[in-house]
Amino acid sequence: MSILDYDWSLIWDNRDALLSGLWTAFSVAIVGLAISLVFGLLLAVLRSAPKPVNWLASAYINIFRGVPALVSVIWVYFGLALLLGVRFTVFQAGVIALSLLYSAFFAEIFRSALQAVPAGHTEAGWALGMRSSQIFFSVTLPQAIKIALPNIGSMFIGMVKDTSTFTVIGLLEVVRVTQNLVATTFQPFVLYTAAAIIYVLAAFAIDLVFRLIEGAYVRPPLGIVGRTLRARQRRTVDALAGRIKAVTPATGTLYTPK
């Protein structure tokens, strides 16, 4: 049996179900990303706090960086229900599990990015009479985010892929949808190949988005964002020059009001 003998039309026939699973994976990952970034930044700041606060932050980071996503989501979905009587939906459990895990990774990313900002920038802020909070949010943090952006993009790709382990609690993302289709079509090779292609294309799309963000974040903006902004600025300048020319007497010299 050759590879062409498989029913590849199943991919197109079930495209809606597969794309719905991808949207579910993206939804969980995006919400988890937002929460993880906030808590990761908080943990990075606490790493520089006095003892024992920095010890607690370090312990959290080291523990959750070593916990597999599968174990994390099982503990959130089943463990918290048994221990605390709290019952989460599969979506909520997926978001919480991702947030617990990736806030630890983002903490280390932010810590290294914050340390990479030259100390002279903070000293300059103090010299200008800025408060420590103003220096952090206006000077240090924006530079740290620019440094951390490539790693944040890579982590987000990992978050989307880690949603595949949440099939254990019944989250209808790409792999779970694929499993359901395989159970009725008996074409695992075709459908799992489709799932792999979807994840690869999603990774390329995420990488493109973060590259555009990086290009827009630097000054002057680079890439397609920079070219778009520069073209818009040129149109604005040309329009302004046209209005000035329209109200200026045709004397051959620049008109200056008395």
Protein backbone atom coordinates (compact mmCIF):
# COMPACT_ATOMS: atom_id res chain seq x y z
CA MET A 1 0.00 0.00 0.00
CA SER A 2 1.48 3.33 -1.08
CA ILE A 3 1.04 6.66 0.59
CA LEU A 4 -1.25 7.78 -2.23
CA ASP A 5 -3.73 5.01 -1.44
CA TYR A 6 -4.78 6.77 1.78
CA ASP A 7 -7.93 8.86 1.74
CA TRP A 8 -6.36 12.33 1.89
CA SER A 9 -9.69 13.96 1.12
CA LEU A 10 -10.57 13.40 4.78
CA ILE A 11 -8.44 16.43 5.66
CA TRP A 12 -10.52 18.77 3.52
CA ASP A 13 -13.80 17.12 4.44
CA ASN A 14 -13.10 17.62 8.17
CA ARG A 15 -11.42 21.02 7.90
CA ASP A 16 -14.07 22.76 9.98
CA ALA A 17 -13.62 20.38 12.90
CA LEU A 18 -9.81 20.62 12.74
CA LEU A 19 -9.86 24.43 12.54
CA SER A 20 -12.31 24.54 15.43
CA GLY A 21 -9.84 22.50 17.46
CA LEU A 22 -7.05 24.90 16.49
CA TRP A 23 -9.15 27.85 17.62
CA THR A 24 -9.75 26.16 20.97
CA ALA A 25 -6.01 25.57 21.37
CA PHE A 26 -5.29 29.22 20.50
CA SER A 27 -7.97 30.46 22.92
CA VAL A 28 -6.52 28.51 25.84
CA ALA A 29 -2.97 29.52 24.93
CA ILE A 30 -3.76 33.23 24.50
CA VAL A 31 -5.54 33.52 27.85
CA GLY A 32 -2.78 31.47 29.47
CA LEU A 33 -0.17 33.74 27.86
CA ALA A 34 -1.75 36.89 29.26
CA ILE A 35 -1.91 35.47 32.79
CA SER A 36 1.56 33.92 32.57
CA LEU A 37 3.17 37.19 31.48
CA VAL A 38 1.73 39.08 34.45
CA PHE A 39 2.66 36.44 37.02
CA GLY A 40 6.00 35.77 35.36
CA LEU A 41 6.93 39.44 35.62
CA LEU A 42 5.83 39.47 39.25
CA LEU A 43 7.95 36.42 40.00
CA ALA A 44 10.94 38.00 38.25
CA VAL A 45 10.63 41.07 40.46
CA LEU A 46 10.25 38.90 43.57
CA ARG A 47 13.47 37.11 42.67
CA SER A 48 15.22 40.38 43.49
CA ALA A 49 13.29 40.91 46.75
CA PRO A 50 14.84 40.28 50.20
CA LYS A 51 14.83 36.84 51.78
CA PRO A 52 12.70 34.77 52.26
CA VAL A 53 10.51 36.20 49.48
CA ASN A 54 13.12 35.49 46.81
CA TRP A 55 13.46 31.94 48.16
CA LEU A 56 9.74 31.33 47.71
CA ALA A 57 9.82 32.75 44.18
CA SER A 58 12.83 30.57 43.31
CA ALA A 59 11.13 27.49 44.75
CA TYR A 60 7.99 28.10 42.67
CA ILE A 61 10.04 28.61 39.49
CA ASN A 62 12.15 25.50 39.96
CA ILE A 63 9.17 23.32 40.88
CA PHE A 64 6.87 24.27 38.02
CA ARG A 65 9.60 24.29 35.39
CA GLY A 66 9.99 20.59 36.14
CA VAL A 67 6.31 19.61 36.14
CA PRO A 68 5.00 18.13 32.84
CA ALA A 69 1.94 19.80 31.34
CA LEU A 70 0.00 16.52 31.53
CA VAL A 71 0.57 16.21 35.28
CA SER A 72 -0.25 19.86 35.83
CA VAL A 73 -3.62 19.74 34.10
CA ILE A 74 -4.57 16.48 35.86
CA TRP A 75 -3.82 18.06 39.23
CA VAL A 76 -5.80 21.18 38.37
CA TYR A 77 -8.80 19.38 36.93
CA PHE A 78 -9.00 16.38 39.25
CA GLY A 79 -6.71 17.19 42.20
CA LEU A 80 -8.21 20.55 43.15
CA ALA A 81 -11.69 19.07 42.87
CA LEU A 82 -10.72 16.40 45.42
CA LEU A 83 -8.72 18.63 47.75
CA LEU A 84 -10.72 21.86 47.69
CA GLY A 85 -14.02 20.86 46.15
CA VAL A 86 -13.43 23.29 43.27
CA ARG A 87 -14.62 22.06 39.89
CA PHE A 88 -13.21 23.78 36.81
CA THR A 89 -14.36 23.47 33.22
CA VAL A 90 -11.87 21.89 30.82
CA PHE A 91 -11.13 25.35 29.38
CA GLN A 92 -10.46 26.85 32.81
CA ALA A 93 -8.32 23.90 33.85
CA GLY A 94 -6.25 24.22 30.67
CA VAL A 95 -5.69 27.93 31.21
CA ILE A 96 -4.72 27.45 34.86
CA ALA A 97 -2.35 24.59 34.06
CA LEU A 98 -0.60 26.60 31.34
CA SER A 99 -0.41 29.67 33.56
CA LEU A 100 1.15 27.73 36.43
CA LEU A 101 3.79 26.20 34.20
CA TYR A 102 4.69 29.05 31.88
CA SER A 103 4.72 31.81 34.50
CA ALA A 104 7.81 30.01 35.84
CA PHE A 105 9.47 30.09 32.41
CA PHE A 106 8.49 33.71 31.80
CA ALA A 107 9.90 34.64 35.21
CA GLU A 108 13.36 33.54 34.12
CA ILE A 109 12.97 35.22 30.74
CA PHE A 110 12.00 38.51 32.39
CA ARG A 111 14.72 38.18 35.03
CA SER A 112 17.45 37.86 32.42
CA ALA A 113 15.91 40.64 30.31
CA LEU A 114 15.70 43.01 33.27
CA GLN A 115 19.31 42.29 34.16
CA ALA A 116 20.34 43.00 30.56
CA VAL A 117 19.12 46.60 30.78
CA PRO A 118 22.18 48.81 31.50
CA ALA A 119 22.30 50.09 35.08
CA GLY A 120 23.15 53.53 33.75
CA HIS A 121 19.59 53.94 32.50
CA THR A 122 18.26 53.53 36.02
CA GLU A 123 20.86 55.95 37.36
CA ALA A 124 19.87 58.47 34.69
CA GLY A 125 16.27 58.19 35.81
CA TRP A 126 17.27 58.90 39.40
CA ALA A 127 19.31 61.87 38.23
CA LEU A 128 16.19 63.25 36.56
CA GLY A 129 14.27 62.93 39.81
CA MET A 130 12.10 59.99 38.75
CA ARG A 131 10.68 57.62 41.32
CA SER A 132 11.71 53.96 41.30
CA SER A 133 8.27 52.90 40.04
CA GLN A 134 8.46 55.46 37.21
CA ILE A 135 11.91 54.25 36.22
CA PHE A 136 10.77 50.62 36.20
CA PHE A 137 7.62 51.10 34.11
CA SER A 138 8.90 53.89 31.83
CA VAL A 139 12.57 52.97 31.35
CA THR A 140 13.50 49.46 32.46
CA LEU A 141 10.40 47.41 31.60
CA PRO A 142 9.96 48.63 27.98
CA GLN A 143 13.59 47.75 27.21
CA ALA A 144 13.26 44.39 28.97
CA ILE A 145 10.14 43.52 26.95
CA LYS A 146 11.98 44.27 23.71
CA ILE A 147 14.77 41.92 24.79
CA ALA A 148 12.33 39.22 25.91
CA LEU A 149 10.01 39.29 22.87
CA PRO A 150 11.74 36.54 20.82
CA ASN A 151 11.67 34.15 23.79
CA ILE A 152 8.05 35.05 24.54
CA GLY A 153 7.13 34.09 20.98
CA SER A 154 8.90 30.75 21.32
CA MET A 155 7.15 30.07 24.62
CA PHE A 156 3.77 30.86 23.07
CA ILE A 157 4.39 28.27 20.36
CA GLY A 158 5.14 25.79 23.15
CA MET A 159 1.90 26.74 24.91
CA VAL A 160 -0.14 26.03 21.80
CA LYS A 161 1.54 22.64 21.39
CA ASP A 162 1.12 21.78 25.08
CA THR A 163 -2.64 22.06 24.73
CA SER A 164 -2.40 18.72 22.90
CA THR A 165 -1.78 17.03 26.26
CA PHE A 166 -5.08 18.37 27.56
CA THR A 167 -6.93 15.67 25.64
CA VAL A 168 -6.74 13.75 28.92
CA ILE A 169 -9.42 16.03 30.38
CA GLY A 170 -11.43 16.20 27.15
CA LEU A 171 -10.39 19.59 25.76
CA LEU A 172 -11.53 19.65 22.12
CA GLU A 173 -8.31 20.96 20.60
CA VAL A 174 -6.58 19.64 17.49
CA VAL A 175 -5.38 16.29 18.85
CA ARG A 176 -8.67 15.51 20.59
CA VAL A 177 -10.60 16.30 17.41
CA THR A 178 -8.17 14.10 15.48
CA GLN A 179 -8.69 11.24 17.92
CA ASN A 180 -12.46 11.51 17.50
CA LEU A 181 -12.14 11.50 13.70
CA VAL A 182 -9.77 8.52 13.74
CA ALA A 183 -12.29 6.57 15.82
CA THR A 184 -14.86 6.91 13.03
CA THR A 185 -12.70 6.92 9.87
CA PHE A 186 -9.87 4.54 10.88
CA GLN A 187 -7.36 6.72 9.06
CA PRO A 188 -4.82 7.66 11.78
CA PHE A 189 -1.93 8.31 9.39
CA VAL A 190 -3.86 10.84 7.33
CA LEU A 191 -5.47 12.68 10.21
CA TYR A 192 -2.43 12.83 12.50
CA THR A 193 -0.40 14.09 9.55
CA ALA A 194 -3.01 16.81 9.14
CA ALA A 195 -2.74 17.65 12.84
CA ALA A 196 1.04 17.93 12.55
CA ILE A 197 0.75 20.22 9.53
CA ILE A 198 -1.73 22.42 11.40
CA TYR A 199 0.67 22.80 14.33
CA VAL A 200 3.58 23.60 12.01
CA LEU A 201 1.59 26.24 10.13
CA ALA A 202 0.41 27.69 13.44
CA ALA A 203 4.04 27.93 14.59
CA PHE A 204 4.99 29.79 11.40
CA ALA A 205 2.05 32.17 11.85
CA ILE A 206 2.93 32.88 15.49
CA ASP A 207 6.57 33.47 14.56
CA LEU A 208 5.50 35.93 11.85
CA VAL A 209 3.25 37.83 14.25
CA PHE A 210 5.97 38.18 16.85
CA ARG A 211 8.49 39.28 14.22
CA LEU A 212 6.07 42.02 13.17
CA ILE A 213 5.69 43.04 16.81
CA GLU A 214 9.47 43.12 17.21
CA GLY A 215 9.78 45.26 14.08
CA ALA A 216 7.16 47.69 15.37
CA TYR A 217 8.68 47.82 18.85
CA VAL A 218 12.07 49.18 17.84
CA ARG A 219 12.66 52.81 16.90
CA PRO A 220 12.52 53.45 14.02
CA PRO A 221 10.18 50.57 13.19
CA LEU A 222 11.59 47.91 10.85
CA GLY A 223 10.14 45.47 8.36
CA ILE A 224 6.68 45.70 6.81
CA VAL A 225 5.38 47.67 9.81
CA GLY A 226 8.18 50.23 9.42
CA ARG A 227 7.61 50.58 5.68
CA THR A 228 3.88 51.06 6.22
CA LEU A 229 4.43 53.73 8.88
CA ARG A 230 7.05 55.54 6.78
CA ALA A 231 4.75 55.50 3.73
CA ARG A 232 1.97 56.93 5.88
CA GLN A 233 4.30 59.65 7.18
CA ARG A 234 5.35 60.54 3.60
CA ARG A 235 1.70 60.84 2.54
CA THR A 236 1.01 63.11 5.51
CA VAL A 237 4.02 65.31 4.69
CA ASP A 238 3.08 65.45 1.00
CA ALA A 239 -0.50 66.41 1.86
CA LEU A 240 0.72 69.13 4.22
CA ALA A 241 3.14 70.45 1.61
CA GLY A 242 0.29 70.50 -0.92
CA ARG A 243 -1.90 72.59 1.38
CA ILE A 244 0.95 75.01 2.06
CA LYS A 245 1.62 75.36 -1.67
CA ALA A 246 -2.06 75.97 -2.35
CA VAL A 247 -2.27 78.97 0.01
CA THR A 248 1.18 80.38 -0.87
CA PRO A 249 1.23 83.14 -3.55
CA ALA A 250 2.84 82.01 -6.80
CA THR A 251 5.79 84.42 -6.55
CA GLY A 252 8.47 81.81 -6.94
CA THR A 253 9.67 82.43 -3.42
CA LEU A 254 8.53 80.98 -0.14
CA TYR A 255 5.82 83.08 1.44
CA THR A 256 6.44 84.07 5.04
CA PRO A 257 3.73 85.93 6.94
CA LYS A 258 4.67 89.34 8.36
